[in-house]
C-alpha cells in the first residue's frame, strides 16, 4: 500500500505540483486548502507525512496551531510534519510546536522531493 502524504497549502498550484511529484514517486497524495481541512483529513486518513504551510488566507486556524493540535492528539501525534513558509519565517515556531522539519518557500520540485525522501524513503 502506498504511503500517504498530505499537502496542506492554500495555494492551489503548490498543492497540484506537489500532488504530481508525490504520485510520480509512488505516494498517495492528499491535499487540503485550509488548516481546518488539514486537521480533519489527518485525523481521518492518518497520513505518514504532512507538508504544512504556515499561513492560510481562508482559515481561522494557522499552520503552527494545526501542527500543535495534531502533535497533542494521541491519534495523530506520531504523524511526521514538515512546516513550510517564506524563508525561515516560521521555522522556530513549527519546531517548537513539534514539527520534525521545515521547508522554506519558495522551493523547487526537486527540493520538495528530496525533503520527502529524507523522511519517507521509497514508497
PDB file of N, CA and C in Angstrom:
ATOM      1  N   UNK A   1       0.843  -1.180   0.000  1.00  0.00           N
ATOM      2  CA  UNK A   1       0.000   0.000   0.000  1.00  0.00           C
ATOM      3  C   UNK A   1       0.890   1.245   0.000  1.00  0.00           C
ATOM      4  N   UNK A   2       0.541   2.199  -0.827  1.00  0.00           N
ATOM      5  CA  UNK A   2       1.313   3.430  -0.938  1.00  0.00           C
ATOM      6  C   UNK A   2       1.212   4.251   0.342  1.00  0.00           C
ATOM      7  N   UNK A   3       2.322   4.852   0.719  1.00  0.00           N
ATOM      8  CA  UNK A   3       2.326   5.745   1.868  1.00  0.00           C
ATOM      9  C   UNK A   3       1.581   7.022   1.505  1.00  0.00           C
ATOM     10  N   UNK A   4       0.884   7.590   2.499  1.00  0.00           N
ATOM     11  CA  UNK A   4       0.065   8.783   2.279  1.00  0.00           C
ATOM     12  C   UNK A   4       0.798  10.026   2.760  1.00  0.00           C
ATOM     13  N   UNK A   5       0.750  11.049   1.915  1.00  0.00           N
ATOM     14  CA  UNK A   5       1.334  12.339   2.272  1.00  0.00           C
ATOM     15  C   UNK A   5       0.283  13.412   2.031  1.00  0.00           C
ATOM     16  N   UNK A   6       0.074  14.233   3.041  1.00  0.00           N
ATOM     17  CA  UNK A   6      -0.896  15.322   2.969  1.00  0.00           C
ATOM     18  C   UNK A   6      -0.167  16.632   2.714  1.00  0.00           C
ATOM     19  N   UNK A   7      -0.572  17.325   1.658  1.00  0.00           N
ATOM     20  CA  UNK A   7      -0.062  18.660   1.356  1.00  0.00           C
ATOM     21  C   UNK A   7      -1.145  19.650   1.764  1.00  0.00           C
ATOM     22  N   UNK A   8      -0.853  20.479   2.752  1.00  0.00           N
ATOM     23  CA  UNK A   8      -1.815  21.472   3.241  1.00  0.00           C
ATOM     24  C   UNK A   8      -1.284  22.860   2.909  1.00  0.00           C
ATOM     25  N   UNK A   9      -1.900  23.477   1.928  1.00  0.00           N
ATOM     26  CA  UNK A   9      -1.470  24.799   1.464  1.00  0.00           C
ATOM     27  C   UNK A   9      -2.658  25.481   0.815  1.00  0.00           C
ATOM     28  N   UNK A  10      -2.817  26.781   1.024  1.00  0.00           N
ATOM     29  CA  UNK A  10      -3.952  27.464   0.414  1.00  0.00           C
ATOM     30  C   UNK A  10      -3.689  27.860  -1.037  1.00  0.00           C
ATOM     31  N   UNK A  11      -2.479  27.642  -1.525  1.00  0.00           N
ATOM     32  CA  UNK A  11      -2.165  27.928  -2.923  1.00  0.00           C
ATOM     33  C   UNK A  11      -2.362  26.662  -3.758  1.00  0.00           C
ATOM     34  N   UNK A  12      -3.357  26.711  -4.638  1.00  0.00           N
ATOM     35  CA  UNK A  12      -3.725  25.545  -5.439  1.00  0.00           C
ATOM     36  C   UNK A  12      -2.562  25.029  -6.273  1.00  0.00           C
ATOM     37  N   UNK A  13      -1.786  25.928  -6.868  1.00  0.00           N
ATOM     38  CA  UNK A  13      -0.686  25.473  -7.715  1.00  0.00           C
ATOM     39  C   UNK A  13       0.358  24.693  -6.917  1.00  0.00           C
ATOM     40  N   UNK A  14       0.591  25.063  -5.679  1.00  0.00           N
ATOM     41  CA  UNK A  14       1.535  24.318  -4.834  1.00  0.00           C
ATOM     42  C   UNK A  14       0.982  22.925  -4.547  1.00  0.00           C
ATOM     43  N   UNK A  15      -0.299  22.856  -4.202  1.00  0.00           N
ATOM     44  CA  UNK A  15      -0.914  21.540  -3.948  1.00  0.00           C
ATOM     45  C   UNK A  15      -0.863  20.668  -5.202  1.00  0.00           C
ATOM     46  N   UNK A  16      -1.174  21.257  -6.349  1.00  0.00           N
ATOM     47  CA  UNK A  16      -1.204  20.488  -7.596  1.00  0.00           C
ATOM     48  C   UNK A  16       0.177  19.956  -7.982  1.00  0.00           C
ATOM     49  N   UNK A  17       1.188  20.816  -7.938  1.00  0.00           N
ATOM     50  CA  UNK A  17       2.544  20.390  -8.291  1.00  0.00           C
ATOM     51  C   UNK A  17       3.033  19.324  -7.306  1.00  0.00           C
ATOM     52  N   UNK A  18       2.796  19.541  -6.026  1.00  0.00           N
ATOM     53  CA  UNK A  18       3.219  18.561  -5.020  1.00  0.00           C
ATOM     54  C   UNK A  18       2.520  17.222  -5.243  1.00  0.00           C
ATOM     55  N   UNK A  19       1.237  17.255  -5.577  1.00  0.00           N
ATOM     56  CA  UNK A  19       0.495  16.012  -5.825  1.00  0.00           C
ATOM     57  C   UNK A  19       1.067  15.247  -7.016  1.00  0.00           C
ATOM     58  N   UNK A  20       1.446  15.967  -8.063  1.00  0.00           N
ATOM     59  CA  UNK A  20       2.056  15.322  -9.234  1.00  0.00           C
ATOM     60  C   UNK A  20       3.381  14.671  -8.849  1.00  0.00           C
ATOM     61  N   UNK A  21       4.213  15.406  -8.115  1.00  0.00           N
ATOM     62  CA  UNK A  21       5.505  14.869  -7.689  1.00  0.00           C
ATOM     63  C   UNK A  21       5.309  13.615  -6.836  1.00  0.00           C
ATOM     64  N   UNK A  22       4.393  13.693  -5.885  1.00  0.00           N
ATOM     65  CA  UNK A  22       4.146  12.557  -4.986  1.00  0.00           C
ATOM     66  C   UNK A  22       3.641  11.344  -5.751  1.00  0.00           C
ATOM     67  N   UNK A  23       2.719  11.559  -6.659  1.00  0.00           N
ATOM     68  CA  UNK A  23       2.173  10.448  -7.449  1.00  0.00           C
ATOM     69  C   UNK A  23       3.260   9.784  -8.276  1.00  0.00           C
ATOM     70  N   UNK A  24       4.124  10.583  -8.884  1.00  0.00           N
ATOM     71  CA  UNK A  24       5.227  10.036  -9.690  1.00  0.00           C
ATOM     72  C   UNK A  24       6.179   9.196  -8.850  1.00  0.00           C
ATOM     73  N   UNK A  25       6.296   9.522  -7.574  1.00  0.00           N
ATOM     74  CA  UNK A  25       7.185   8.786  -6.678  1.00  0.00           C
ATOM     75  C   UNK A  25       6.488   7.598  -6.013  1.00  0.00           C
ATOM     76  N   UNK A  26       5.222   7.387  -6.346  1.00  0.00           N
ATOM     77  CA  UNK A  26       4.503   6.229  -5.824  1.00  0.00           C
ATOM     78  C   UNK A  26       3.772   6.453  -4.521  1.00  0.00           C
ATOM     79  N   UNK A  27       3.629   7.708  -4.106  1.00  0.00           N
ATOM     80  CA  UNK A  27       2.901   8.017  -2.885  1.00  0.00           C
ATOM     81  C   UNK A  27       1.445   8.329  -3.202  1.00  0.00           C
ATOM     82  N   UNK A  28       0.598   8.186  -2.208  1.00  0.00           N
ATOM     83  CA  UNK A  28      -0.800   8.591  -2.327  1.00  0.00           C
ATOM     84  C   UNK A  28      -0.885  10.023  -1.795  1.00  0.00           C
ATOM     85  N   UNK A  29      -1.210  10.956  -2.689  1.00  0.00           N
ATOM     86  CA  UNK A  29      -1.250  12.375  -2.315  1.00  0.00           C
ATOM     87  C   UNK A  29      -2.635  12.774  -1.838  1.00  0.00           C
ATOM     88  N   UNK A  30      -2.664  13.446  -0.703  1.00  0.00           N
ATOM     89  CA  UNK A  30      -3.878  14.057  -0.169  1.00  0.00           C
ATOM     90  C   UNK A  30      -3.633  15.555  -0.148  1.00  0.00           C
ATOM     91  N   UNK A  31      -4.680  16.352  -0.280  1.00  0.00           N
ATOM     92  CA  UNK A  31      -4.460  17.793  -0.212  1.00  0.00           C
ATOM     93  C   UNK A  31      -5.571  18.468   0.571  1.00  0.00           C
ATOM     94  N   UNK A  32      -5.193  19.587   1.196  1.00  0.00           N
ATOM     95  CA  UNK A  32      -6.135  20.385   1.978  1.00  0.00           C
ATOM     96  C   UNK A  32      -5.875  21.853   1.689  1.00  0.00           C
ATOM     97  N   UNK A  33      -6.966  22.606   1.530  1.00  0.00           N
ATOM     98  CA  UNK A  33      -6.892  24.029   1.216  1.00  0.00           C
ATOM     99  C   UNK A  33      -6.906  24.913   2.463  1.00  0.00           C
ATOM    100  N   UNK A  34      -7.410  24.390   3.574  1.00  0.00           N
ATOM    101  CA  UNK A  34      -7.438  25.140   4.827  1.00  0.00           C
ATOM    102  C   UNK A  34      -6.821  24.297   5.943  1.00  0.00           C
ATOM    103  N   UNK A  35      -6.444  24.954   7.013  1.00  0.00           N
ATOM    104  CA  UNK A  35      -5.911  24.229   8.171  1.00  0.00           C
ATOM    105  C   UNK A  35      -6.974  23.324   8.794  1.00  0.00           C
ATOM    106  N   UNK A  36      -8.200  23.827   8.832  1.00  0.00           N
ATOM    107  CA  UNK A  36      -9.282  23.010   9.399  1.00  0.00           C
ATOM    108  C   UNK A  36      -9.440  21.708   8.604  1.00  0.00           C
ATOM    109  N   UNK A  37      -9.401  21.825   7.268  1.00  0.00           N
ATOM    110  CA  UNK A  37      -9.479  20.629   6.417  1.00  0.00           C
ATOM    111  C   UNK A  37      -8.279  19.715   6.654  1.00  0.00           C
ATOM    112  N   UNK A  38      -7.106  20.305   6.822  1.00  0.00           N
ATOM    113  CA  UNK A  38      -5.899  19.512   7.047  1.00  0.00           C
ATOM    114  C   UNK A  38      -5.997  18.701   8.342  1.00  0.00           C
ATOM    115  N   UNK A  39      -6.454  19.342   9.404  1.00  0.00           N
ATOM    116  CA  UNK A  39      -6.585  18.642  10.679  1.00  0.00           C
ATOM    117  C   UNK A  39      -7.620  17.521  10.569  1.00  0.00           C
ATOM    118  N   UNK A  40      -8.755  17.817   9.966  1.00  0.00           N
ATOM    119  CA  UNK A  40      -9.801  16.804   9.809  1.00  0.00           C
ATOM    120  C   UNK A  40      -9.308  15.641   8.944  1.00  0.00           C
ATOM    121  N   UNK A  41      -8.658  15.943   7.833  1.00  0.00           N
ATOM    122  CA  UNK A  41      -8.164  14.903   6.942  1.00  0.00           C
ATOM    123  C   UNK A  41      -7.071  14.072   7.612  1.00  0.00           C
ATOM    124  N   UNK A  42      -6.208  14.727   8.378  1.00  0.00           N
ATOM    125  CA  UNK A  42      -5.160  13.998   9.097  1.00  0.00           C
ATOM    126  C   UNK A  42      -5.769  13.028  10.105  1.00  0.00           C
ATOM    127  N   UNK A  43      -6.816  13.454  10.785  1.00  0.00           N
ATOM    128  CA  UNK A  43      -7.468  12.576  11.766  1.00  0.00           C
ATOM    129  C   UNK A  43      -8.179  11.408  11.099  1.00  0.00           C
ATOM    130  N   UNK A  44      -8.724  11.629   9.910  1.00  0.00           N
ATOM    131  CA  UNK A  44      -9.436  10.567   9.190  1.00  0.00           C
ATOM    132  C   UNK A  44      -8.494   9.599   8.494  1.00  0.00           C
ATOM    133  N   UNK A  45      -7.503  10.153   7.790  1.00  0.00           N
ATOM    134  CA  UNK A  45      -6.648   9.350   6.911  1.00  0.00           C
ATOM    135  C   UNK A  45      -5.341   8.884   7.548  1.00  0.00           C
ATOM    136  N   UNK A  46      -4.925   9.538   8.630  1.00  0.00           N
ATOM    137  CA  UNK A  46      -3.658   9.241   9.297  1.00  0.00           C
ATOM    138  C   UNK A  46      -2.501   9.110   8.291  1.00  0.00           C
ATOM    139  N   UNK A  47      -2.184  10.220   7.609  1.00  0.00           N
ATOM    140  CA  UNK A  47      -1.098  10.170   6.633  1.00  0.00           C
ATOM    141  C   UNK A  47       0.239   9.889   7.312  1.00  0.00           C
ATOM    142  N   UNK A  48       1.201   9.464   6.517  1.00  0.00           N
ATOM    143  CA  UNK A  48       2.540   9.188   7.035  1.00  0.00           C
ATOM    144  C   UNK A  48       3.356  10.464   7.211  1.00  0.00           C
ATOM    145  N   UNK A  49       3.002  11.493   6.453  1.00  0.00           N
ATOM    146  CA  UNK A  49       3.736  12.752   6.481  1.00  0.00           C
ATOM    147  C   UNK A  49       2.796  13.879   6.075  1.00  0.00           C
ATOM    148  N   UNK A  50       3.001  15.062   6.660  1.00  0.00           N
ATOM    149  CA  UNK A  50       2.236  16.254   6.291  1.00  0.00           C
ATOM    150  C   UNK A  50       3.212  17.372   5.967  1.00  0.00           C
ATOM    151  N   UNK A  51       3.020  18.011   4.811  1.00  0.00           N
ATOM    152  CA  UNK A  51       3.721  19.247   4.481  1.00  0.00           C
ATOM    153  C   UNK A  51       2.704  20.346   4.776  1.00  0.00           C
ATOM    154  N   UNK A  52       2.985  21.175   5.764  1.00  0.00           N
ATOM    155  CA  UNK A  52       2.001  22.102   6.300  1.00  0.00           C
ATOM    156  C   UNK A  52       2.470  23.546   6.178  1.00  0.00           C
ATOM    157  N   UNK A  53       1.746  24.319   5.378  1.00  0.00           N
ATOM    158  CA  UNK A  53       2.061  25.736   5.212  1.00  0.00           C
ATOM    159  C   UNK A  53       1.766  26.484   6.516  1.00  0.00           C
ATOM    160  N   UNK A  54       2.426  27.617   6.702  1.00  0.00           N
ATOM    161  CA  UNK A  54       2.235  28.391   7.928  1.00  0.00           C
ATOM    162  C   UNK A  54       1.002  29.272   7.889  1.00  0.00           C
ATOM    163  N   UNK A  55       0.746  29.918   6.751  1.00  0.00           N
ATOM    164  CA  UNK A  55      -0.323  30.912   6.685  1.00  0.00           C
ATOM    165  C   UNK A  55      -1.395  30.508   5.676  1.00  0.00           C
ATOM    166  N   UNK A  56      -2.641  30.587   6.114  1.00  0.00           N
ATOM    167  CA  UNK A  56      -3.787  30.266   5.275  1.00  0.00           C
ATOM    168  C   UNK A  56      -4.724  31.458   5.274  1.00  0.00           C
ATOM    169  N   UNK A  57      -4.997  31.995   4.085  1.00  0.00           N
ATOM    170  CA  UNK A  57      -5.831  33.189   3.989  1.00  0.00           C
ATOM    171  C   UNK A  57      -7.290  32.931   4.346  1.00  0.00           C
ATOM    172  N   UNK A  58      -7.812  31.768   3.971  1.00  0.00           N
ATOM    173  CA  UNK A  58      -9.230  31.480   4.195  1.00  0.00           C
ATOM    174  C   UNK A  58      -9.445  30.527   5.371  1.00  0.00           C
ATOM    175  N   UNK A  59      -8.634  30.678   6.388  1.00  0.00           N
ATOM    176  CA  UNK A  59      -8.692  29.751   7.510  1.00  0.00           C
ATOM    177  C   UNK A  59      -8.502  30.515   8.812  1.00  0.00           C
ATOM    178  N   UNK A  60      -9.292  30.189   9.804  1.00  0.00           N
ATOM    179  CA  UNK A  60      -9.094  30.804  11.121  1.00  0.00           C
ATOM    180  C   UNK A  60      -7.883  30.196  11.817  1.00  0.00           C
ATOM    181  N   UNK A  61      -7.677  28.926  11.596  1.00  0.00           N
ATOM    182  CA  UNK A  61      -6.559  28.187  12.178  1.00  0.00           C
ATOM    183  C   UNK A  61      -5.351  28.348  11.261  1.00  0.00           C
ATOM    184  N   UNK A  62      -4.179  28.525  11.825  1.00  0.00           N
ATOM    185  CA  UNK A  62      -2.959  28.658  11.026  1.00  0.00           C
ATOM    186  C   UNK A  62      -2.069  27.427  11.209  1.00  0.00           C
ATOM    187  N   UNK A  63      -1.049  27.320  10.367  1.00  0.00           N
ATOM    188  CA  UNK A  63      -0.233  26.112  10.309  1.00  0.00           C
ATOM    189  C   UNK A  63       0.409  25.691  11.607  1.00  0.00           C
ATOM    190  N   UNK A  64       0.998  26.624  12.331  1.00  0.00           N
ATOM    191  CA  UNK A  64       1.653  26.279  13.593  1.00  0.00           C
ATOM    192  C   UNK A  64       0.615  25.780  14.602  1.00  0.00           C
ATOM    193  N   UNK A  65      -0.562  26.393  14.618  1.00  0.00           N
ATOM    194  CA  UNK A  65      -1.638  25.940  15.510  1.00  0.00           C
ATOM    195  C   UNK A  65      -2.082  24.527  15.152  1.00  0.00           C
ATOM    196  N   UNK A  66      -2.232  24.258  13.846  1.00  0.00           N
ATOM    197  CA  UNK A  66      -2.638  22.923  13.394  1.00  0.00           C
ATOM    198  C   UNK A  66      -1.574  21.894  13.762  1.00  0.00           C
ATOM    199  N   UNK A  67      -0.318  22.258  13.608  1.00  0.00           N
ATOM    200  CA  UNK A  67       0.773  21.357  13.982  1.00  0.00           C
ATOM    201  C   UNK A  67       0.683  21.008  15.465  1.00  0.00           C
ATOM    202  N   UNK A  68       0.514  22.008  16.279  1.00  0.00           N
ATOM    203  CA  UNK A  68       0.419  21.801  17.729  1.00  0.00           C
ATOM    204  C   UNK A  68      -0.769  20.888  18.073  1.00  0.00           C
ATOM    205  N   UNK A  69      -1.921  21.154  17.440  1.00  0.00           N
ATOM    206  CA  UNK A  69      -3.122  20.339  17.695  1.00  0.00           C
ATOM    207  C   UNK A  69      -2.874  18.876  17.331  1.00  0.00           C
ATOM    208  N   UNK A  70      -2.263  18.643  16.180  1.00  0.00           N
ATOM    209  CA  UNK A  70      -2.014  17.276  15.729  1.00  0.00           C
ATOM    210  C   UNK A  70      -1.003  16.567  16.627  1.00  0.00           C
ATOM    211  N   UNK A  71      -0.002  17.280  17.095  1.00  0.00           N
ATOM    212  CA  UNK A  71       1.022  16.676  17.957  1.00  0.00           C
ATOM    213  C   UNK A  71       0.507  16.422  19.374  1.00  0.00           C
ATOM    214  N   UNK A  72      -0.519  17.152  19.778  1.00  0.00           N
ATOM    215  CA  UNK A  72      -1.093  16.957  21.114  1.00  0.00           C
ATOM    216  C   UNK A  72      -2.175  15.887  21.141  1.00  0.00           C
ATOM    217  N   UNK A  73      -2.613  15.432  19.993  1.00  0.00           N
ATOM    218  CA  UNK A  73      -3.675  14.438  19.888  1.00  0.00           C
ATOM    219  C   UNK A  73      -3.061  13.037  19.856  1.00  0.00           C
ATOM    220  N   UNK A  74      -3.515  12.151  20.711  1.00  0.00           N
ATOM    221  CA  UNK A  74      -2.920  10.813  20.800  1.00  0.00           C
ATOM    222  C   UNK A  74      -3.025  10.033  19.488  1.00  0.00           C
ATOM    223  N   UNK A  75      -4.048  10.296  18.712  1.00  0.00           N
ATOM    224  CA  UNK A  75      -4.241   9.568  17.447  1.00  0.00           C
ATOM    225  C   UNK A  75      -3.321  10.073  16.330  1.00  0.00           C
ATOM    226  N   UNK A  76      -2.942  11.346  16.365  1.00  0.00           N
ATOM    227  CA  UNK A  76      -2.171  11.932  15.266  1.00  0.00           C
ATOM    228  C   UNK A  76      -0.751  12.370  15.667  1.00  0.00           C
ATOM    229  N   UNK A  77      -0.370  12.180  16.905  1.00  0.00           N
ATOM    230  CA  UNK A  77       0.905  12.722  17.376  1.00  0.00           C
ATOM    231  C   UNK A  77       2.129  12.120  16.700  1.00  0.00           C
ATOM    232  N   UNK A  78       2.011  10.919  16.158  1.00  0.00           N
ATOM    233  CA  UNK A  78       3.156  10.273  15.518  1.00  0.00           C
ATOM    234  C   UNK A  78       3.318  10.645  14.051  1.00  0.00           C
ATOM    235  N   UNK A  79       2.365  11.370  13.486  1.00  0.00           N
ATOM    236  CA  UNK A  79       2.480  11.790  12.084  1.00  0.00           C
ATOM    237  C   UNK A  79       3.615  12.795  11.978  1.00  0.00           C
ATOM    238  N   UNK A  80       4.520  12.552  11.065  1.00  0.00           N
ATOM    239  CA  UNK A  80       5.626  13.488  10.857  1.00  0.00           C
ATOM    240  C   UNK A  80       5.115  14.708  10.101  1.00  0.00           C
ATOM    241  N   UNK A  81       5.541  15.888  10.557  1.00  0.00           N
ATOM    242  CA  UNK A  81       5.091  17.150   9.958  1.00  0.00           C
ATOM    243  C   UNK A  81       6.309  17.977   9.561  1.00  0.00           C
ATOM    244  N   UNK A  82       6.250  18.488   8.331  1.00  0.00           N
ATOM    245  CA  UNK A  82       7.249  19.428   7.847  1.00  0.00           C
ATOM    246  C   UNK A  82       6.534  20.752   7.641  1.00  0.00           C
ATOM    247  N   UNK A  83       6.906  21.761   8.409  1.00  0.00           N
ATOM    248  CA  UNK A  83       6.336  23.085   8.253  1.00  0.00           C
ATOM    249  C   UNK A  83       6.929  23.769   7.036  1.00  0.00           C
ATOM    250  N   UNK A  84       6.187  24.706   6.461  1.00  0.00           N
ATOM    251  CA  UNK A  84       6.672  25.397   5.274  1.00  0.00           C
ATOM    252  C   UNK A  84       6.124  26.815   5.224  1.00  0.00           C
ATOM    253  N   UNK A  85       6.976  27.743   4.817  1.00  0.00           N
ATOM    254  CA  UNK A  85       6.573  29.123   4.594  1.00  0.00           C
ATOM    255  C   UNK A  85       7.753  29.878   4.023  1.00  0.00           C
ATOM    256  N   UNK A  86       7.633  31.202   3.964  1.00  0.00           N
ATOM    257  CA  UNK A  86       8.726  32.006   3.431  1.00  0.00           C
ATOM    258  C   UNK A  86       9.993  31.719   4.237  1.00  0.00           C
ATOM    259  N   UNK A  87      11.127  31.969   3.615  1.00  0.00           N
ATOM    260  CA  UNK A  87      12.396  31.528   4.202  1.00  0.00           C
ATOM    261  C   UNK A  87      12.520  31.763   5.702  1.00  0.00           C
ATOM    262  N   UNK A  88      12.422  30.692   6.416  1.00  0.00           N
ATOM    263  CA  UNK A  88      12.686  30.625   7.849  1.00  0.00           C
ATOM    264  C   UNK A  88      11.828  31.530   8.724  1.00  0.00           C
ATOM    265  N   UNK A  89      10.767  32.098   8.179  1.00  0.00           N
ATOM    266  CA  UNK A  89       9.911  32.997   8.949  1.00  0.00           C
ATOM    267  C   UNK A  89       9.240  32.287  10.123  1.00  0.00           C
ATOM    268  N   UNK A  90       8.893  31.013   9.944  1.00  0.00           N
ATOM    269  CA  UNK A  90       8.160  30.283  10.983  1.00  0.00           C
ATOM    270  C   UNK A  90       8.894  29.028  11.448  1.00  0.00           C
ATOM    271  N   UNK A  91      10.145  28.905  11.097  1.00  0.00           N
ATOM    272  CA  UNK A  91      10.878  27.679  11.433  1.00  0.00           C
ATOM    273  C   UNK A  91      10.872  27.404  12.936  1.00  0.00           C
ATOM    274  N   UNK A  92      11.245  28.366  13.742  1.00  0.00           N
ATOM    275  CA  UNK A  92      11.300  28.152  15.191  1.00  0.00           C
ATOM    276  C   UNK A  92       9.932  27.810  15.765  1.00  0.00           C
ATOM    277  N   UNK A  93       8.876  28.484  15.259  1.00  0.00           N
ATOM    278  CA  UNK A  93       7.521  28.204  15.757  1.00  0.00           C
ATOM    279  C   UNK A  93       7.095  26.783  15.419  1.00  0.00           C
ATOM    280  N   UNK A  94       7.350  26.345  14.179  1.00  0.00           N
ATOM    281  CA  UNK A  94       6.977  24.979  13.798  1.00  0.00           C
ATOM    282  C   UNK A  94       7.743  23.946  14.619  1.00  0.00           C
ATOM    283  N   UNK A  95       9.043  24.130  14.742  1.00  0.00           N
ATOM    284  CA  UNK A  95       9.842  23.171  15.503  1.00  0.00           C
ATOM    285  C   UNK A  95       9.416  23.159  16.966  1.00  0.00           C
ATOM    286  N   UNK A  96       9.073  24.324  17.509  1.00  0.00           N
ATOM    287  CA  UNK A  96       8.577  24.402  18.880  1.00  0.00           C
ATOM    288  C   UNK A  96       7.219  23.747  19.069  1.00  0.00           C
ATOM    289  N   UNK A  97       6.439  23.672  17.988  1.00  0.00           N
ATOM    290  CA  UNK A  97       5.113  23.041  18.044  1.00  0.00           C
ATOM    291  C   UNK A  97       5.180  21.539  17.790  1.00  0.00           C
ATOM    292  N   UNK A  98       6.384  21.032  17.508  1.00  0.00           N
ATOM    293  CA  UNK A  98       6.538  19.588  17.347  1.00  0.00           C
ATOM    294  C   UNK A  98       6.838  19.112  15.942  1.00  0.00           C
ATOM    295  N   UNK A  99       6.928  20.018  14.971  1.00  0.00           N
ATOM    296  CA  UNK A  99       7.251  19.595  13.606  1.00  0.00           C
ATOM    297  C   UNK A  99       8.650  18.989  13.567  1.00  0.00           C
ATOM    298  N   UNK A 100       8.832  18.032  12.684  1.00  0.00           N
ATOM    299  CA  UNK A 100      10.131  17.378  12.547  1.00  0.00           C
ATOM    300  C   UNK A 100      11.124  18.207  11.736  1.00  0.00           C
ATOM    301  N   UNK A 101      10.602  19.067  10.849  1.00  0.00           N
ATOM    302  CA  UNK A 101      11.499  19.786   9.956  1.00  0.00           C
ATOM    303  C   UNK A 101      10.784  20.999   9.384  1.00  0.00           C
ATOM    304  N   UNK A 102      11.505  21.752   8.566  1.00  0.00           N
ATOM    305  CA  UNK A 102      10.983  22.967   7.950  1.00  0.00           C
ATOM    306  C   UNK A 102      11.496  23.038   6.518  1.00  0.00           C
ATOM    307  N   UNK A 103      10.620  23.406   5.594  1.00  0.00           N
ATOM    308  CA  UNK A 103      10.969  23.552   4.179  1.00  0.00           C
ATOM    309  C   UNK A 103      10.650  24.976   3.761  1.00  0.00           C
ATOM    310  N   UNK A 104      11.675  25.828   3.615  1.00  0.00           N
ATOM    311  CA  UNK A 104      11.404  27.220   3.261  1.00  0.00           C
ATOM    312  C   UNK A 104      10.887  27.371   1.838  1.00  0.00           C
ATOM    313  N   UNK A 105       9.954  28.320   1.664  1.00  0.00           N
ATOM    314  CA  UNK A 105       9.428  28.661   0.344  1.00  0.00           C
ATOM    315  C   UNK A 105      10.181  29.866  -0.192  1.00  0.00           C
ATOM    316  N   UNK A 106      10.281  30.022  -1.472  1.00  0.00           N
ATOM    317  CA  UNK A 106       9.800  29.079  -2.475  1.00  0.00           C
ATOM    318  C   UNK A 106      10.768  27.904  -2.585  1.00  0.00           C
ATOM    319  N   UNK A 107      10.218  26.730  -2.816  1.00  0.00           N
ATOM    320  CA  UNK A 107      11.054  25.548  -3.013  1.00  0.00           C
ATOM    321  C   UNK A 107      10.793  24.997  -4.406  1.00  0.00           C
ATOM    322  N   UNK A 108      11.800  24.319  -4.915  1.00  0.00           N
ATOM    323  CA  UNK A 108      11.684  23.714  -6.237  1.00  0.00           C
ATOM    324  C   UNK A 108      11.070  22.322  -6.089  1.00  0.00           C
ATOM    325  N   UNK A 109      10.545  21.767  -7.157  1.00  0.00           N
ATOM    326  CA  UNK A 109      10.057  20.382  -7.081  1.00  0.00           C
ATOM    327  C   UNK A 109      11.134  19.420  -6.591  1.00  0.00           C
ATOM    328  N   UNK A 110      12.379  19.660  -6.998  1.00  0.00           N
ATOM    329  CA  UNK A 110      13.470  18.788  -6.557  1.00  0.00           C
ATOM    330  C   UNK A 110      13.720  18.915  -5.055  1.00  0.00           C
ATOM    331  N   UNK A 111      13.637  20.125  -4.519  1.00  0.00           N
ATOM    332  CA  UNK A 111      13.808  20.311  -3.073  1.00  0.00           C
ATOM    333  C   UNK A 111      12.688  19.623  -2.299  1.00  0.00           C
ATOM    334  N   UNK A 112      11.466  19.724  -2.808  1.00  0.00           N
ATOM    335  CA  UNK A 112      10.340  19.045  -2.161  1.00  0.00           C
ATOM    336  C   UNK A 112      10.553  17.541  -2.177  1.00  0.00           C
ATOM    337  N   UNK A 113      10.902  17.019  -3.323  1.00  0.00           N
ATOM    338  CA  UNK A 113      11.134  15.575  -3.452  1.00  0.00           C
ATOM    339  C   UNK A 113      12.239  15.113  -2.500  1.00  0.00           C
ATOM    340  N   UNK A 114      13.331  15.858  -2.453  1.00  0.00           N
ATOM    341  CA  UNK A 114      14.453  15.495  -1.577  1.00  0.00           C
ATOM    342  C   UNK A 114      14.020  15.482  -0.107  1.00  0.00           C
ATOM    343  N   UNK A 115      13.230  16.486   0.306  1.00  0.00           N
ATOM    344  CA  UNK A 115      12.787  16.575   1.699  1.00  0.00           C
ATOM    345  C   UNK A 115      11.843  15.409   2.029  1.00  0.00           C
ATOM    346  N   UNK A 116      10.940  15.108   1.120  1.00  0.00           N
ATOM    347  CA  UNK A 116      10.023  13.986   1.350  1.00  0.00           C
ATOM    348  C   UNK A 116      10.785  12.678   1.442  1.00  0.00           C
ATOM    349  N   UNK A 117      11.729  12.460   0.538  1.00  0.00           N
ATOM    350  CA  UNK A 117      12.502  11.221   0.550  1.00  0.00           C
ATOM    351  C   UNK A 117      13.341  11.094   1.815  1.00  0.00           C
ATOM    352  N   UNK A 118      13.742  12.229   2.374  1.00  0.00           N
ATOM    353  CA  UNK A 118      14.511  12.211   3.623  1.00  0.00           C
ATOM    354  C   UNK A 118      13.696  11.537   4.728  1.00  0.00           C
ATOM    355  N   UNK A 119      12.388  11.749   4.726  1.00  0.00           N
ATOM    356  CA  UNK A 119      11.528  11.193   5.776  1.00  0.00           C
ATOM    357  C   UNK A 119      10.803   9.920   5.367  1.00  0.00           C
ATOM    358  N   UNK A 120      10.577   9.756   4.070  1.00  0.00           N
ATOM    359  CA  UNK A 120       9.748   8.645   3.637  1.00  0.00           C
ATOM    360  C   UNK A 120      10.525   7.546   2.920  1.00  0.00           C
ATOM    361  N   UNK A 121      11.693   7.848   2.423  1.00  0.00           N
ATOM    362  CA  UNK A 121      12.398   6.861   1.616  1.00  0.00           C
ATOM    363  C   UNK A 121      11.562   6.568   0.389  1.00  0.00           C
ATOM    364  N   UNK A 122      11.628   5.390  -0.107  1.00  0.00           N
ATOM    365  CA  UNK A 122      10.773   4.996  -1.242  1.00  0.00           C
ATOM    366  C   UNK A 122       9.408   4.645  -0.746  1.00  0.00           C
ATOM    367  N   UNK A 123       8.477   4.539  -1.659  1.00  0.00           N
ATOM    368  CA  UNK A 123       7.116   4.162  -1.276  1.00  0.00           C
ATOM    369  C   UNK A 123       7.077   2.686  -1.163  1.00  0.00           C
TER     370      UNK A 123
END
